[in-house]
């Protein structure tokens, strides 16, 4: 069974950086495409960034472009999200998501992913 485990969240000040990690296990190959999502209290879960290893393609939601970078390490089956210049609006629970097989296309829509982690909390204070 595929498992995704996030880590790296924490409480920081506005302008600080954090690096989130997601470890994938339970399947011999890295997922075709992965994504980071976030959900703040009372809000819908939104796609933040996506990557497909086969093509190297990435995509980001507009509010994080230029500040966040998604990357992966296939050998270690790890997904990362480098978050710089954090803002209070970035505060949320961050989730890792994955899918296997199919056409490789990046997606910020939660319905395109089959597997989810439990999340890691990011809190940014002003």
Protein backbone atom coordinates (compact mmCIF):
# COMPACT_ATOMS: atom_id res chain seq x y z
CA UNK A 1 0.00 0.00 0.00
CA UNK A 2 1.31 3.42 -0.93
CA UNK A 3 2.13 5.67 2.01
CA UNK A 4 3.08 9.32 1.99
CA UNK A 5 4.55 10.93 5.08
CA UNK A 6 5.14 14.67 5.29
CA UNK A 7 7.59 16.46 7.56
CA UNK A 8 9.25 19.83 7.95
CA UNK A 9 6.38 22.02 9.02
CA UNK A 10 6.65 24.45 11.89
CA UNK A 11 6.00 27.94 13.23
CA UNK A 12 8.00 30.74 11.65
CA UNK A 13 7.99 34.50 11.20
CA UNK A 14 6.92 36.26 8.03
CA UNK A 15 9.83 36.35 5.58
CA UNK A 16 11.35 33.11 6.85
CA UNK A 17 11.82 29.89 4.91
CA UNK A 18 10.79 26.28 5.43
CA UNK A 19 11.44 23.11 3.48
CA UNK A 20 8.74 20.47 3.50
CA UNK A 21 9.52 16.85 2.72
CA UNK A 22 7.32 13.92 1.72
CA UNK A 23 8.54 10.33 1.80
CA UNK A 24 6.82 7.85 -0.51
CA UNK A 25 6.82 4.14 0.30
CA UNK A 26 4.96 0.94 -0.47
CA UNK A 27 5.59 0.90 -4.23
CA UNK A 28 8.85 0.17 -6.04
CA UNK A 29 8.66 3.23 -8.27
CA UNK A 30 8.34 6.92 -7.69
CA UNK A 31 4.83 8.24 -8.42
CA UNK A 32 4.29 9.58 -11.92
CA UNK A 33 3.25 12.96 -10.63
CA UNK A 34 3.09 14.54 -7.22
CA UNK A 35 1.63 17.63 -5.69
CA UNK A 36 1.53 19.78 -2.61
CA UNK A 37 -1.81 21.00 -1.35
CA UNK A 38 -2.76 23.13 1.62
CA UNK A 39 -5.85 23.72 3.66
CA UNK A 40 -6.45 26.52 6.12
CA UNK A 41 -9.26 26.36 8.70
CA UNK A 42 -12.61 27.05 7.06
CA UNK A 43 -11.18 27.00 3.56
CA UNK A 44 -11.11 24.54 0.68
CA UNK A 45 -8.01 22.45 0.08
CA UNK A 46 -6.04 24.15 -2.68
CA UNK A 47 -3.28 22.98 -4.95
CA UNK A 48 0.03 24.72 -4.35
CA UNK A 49 2.53 23.00 -6.65
CA UNK A 50 2.82 19.95 -8.84
CA UNK A 51 5.64 18.02 -10.52
CA UNK A 52 5.87 15.12 -12.96
CA UNK A 53 9.21 13.34 -12.84
CA UNK A 54 9.18 11.94 -16.35
CA UNK A 55 8.82 15.32 -18.02
CA UNK A 56 10.30 17.52 -15.34
CA UNK A 57 7.29 19.77 -15.66
CA UNK A 58 6.19 21.85 -12.70
CA UNK A 59 3.28 24.13 -12.00
CA UNK A 60 2.38 26.51 -9.19
CA UNK A 61 -0.60 28.40 -7.99
CA UNK A 62 -0.20 32.11 -8.65
CA UNK A 63 0.14 33.13 -5.02
CA UNK A 64 3.36 31.13 -4.52
CA UNK A 65 5.10 31.64 -7.87
CA UNK A 66 8.60 32.96 -7.36
CA UNK A 67 8.59 31.98 -3.67
CA UNK A 68 8.03 28.21 -3.59
CA UNK A 69 9.94 25.51 -5.46
CA UNK A 70 8.83 21.89 -5.84
CA UNK A 71 11.40 19.18 -6.46
CA UNK A 72 11.86 15.45 -6.09
CA UNK A 73 14.60 12.90 -5.46
CA UNK A 74 13.70 9.73 -7.33
CA UNK A 75 16.44 7.63 -5.74
CA UNK A 76 15.19 8.41 -2.25
CA UNK A 77 11.54 8.57 -3.31
CA UNK A 78 11.19 11.99 -1.74
CA UNK A 79 9.22 15.08 -2.65
CA UNK A 80 10.18 18.54 -1.43
CA UNK A 81 8.68 22.00 -1.23
CA UNK A 82 11.08 24.85 -0.58
CA UNK A 83 9.09 27.79 0.74
CA UNK A 84 10.77 31.19 0.88
CA UNK A 85 9.49 34.62 1.86
CA UNK A 86 6.66 33.06 3.81
CA UNK A 87 3.57 35.12 4.52
CA UNK A 88 0.84 34.73 7.14
CA UNK A 89 -1.53 33.73 4.31
CA UNK A 90 0.66 30.67 3.73
CA UNK A 91 -0.39 29.28 7.11
CA UNK A 92 -2.18 25.97 6.60
CA UNK A 93 -1.92 22.22 6.85
CA UNK A 94 0.20 21.09 3.92
CA UNK A 95 -0.46 17.75 2.23
CA UNK A 96 1.54 15.66 -0.17
CA UNK A 97 -0.40 13.87 -2.94
CA UNK A 98 0.59 11.34 -5.59
CA UNK A 99 -0.66 9.35 -8.51
CA UNK A 100 0.82 6.50 -10.53
CA UNK A 101 0.57 5.75 -14.21
CA UNK A 102 -1.41 7.54 -16.86
CA UNK A 103 -0.45 10.56 -18.85
CA UNK A 104 2.09 12.75 -17.12
CA UNK A 105 0.61 16.17 -16.62
CA UNK A 106 0.91 18.52 -13.70
CA UNK A 107 -2.30 19.27 -11.87
CA UNK A 108 -3.41 21.42 -8.97
CA UNK A 109 -6.79 19.67 -8.78
CA UNK A 110 -7.16 17.33 -5.82
CA UNK A 111 -9.33 14.90 -7.79
CA UNK A 112 -6.42 13.88 -9.98
CA UNK A 113 -4.49 12.33 -7.10
CA UNK A 114 -5.08 8.91 -5.58
CA UNK A 115 -2.82 8.97 -2.55
CA UNK A 116 -2.52 11.48 0.27
CA UNK A 117 -0.38 12.02 3.31
CA UNK A 118 -1.60 13.08 6.75
CA UNK A 119 -0.24 16.61 6.49
CA UNK A 120 2.24 18.86 8.23
CA UNK A 121 1.29 22.17 9.81
CA UNK A 122 2.83 25.45 8.71
CA UNK A 123 2.15 28.57 10.76
CA UNK A 124 3.51 31.95 9.72
CA UNK A 125 3.17 34.86 12.11
CA UNK A 126 3.50 38.53 11.19
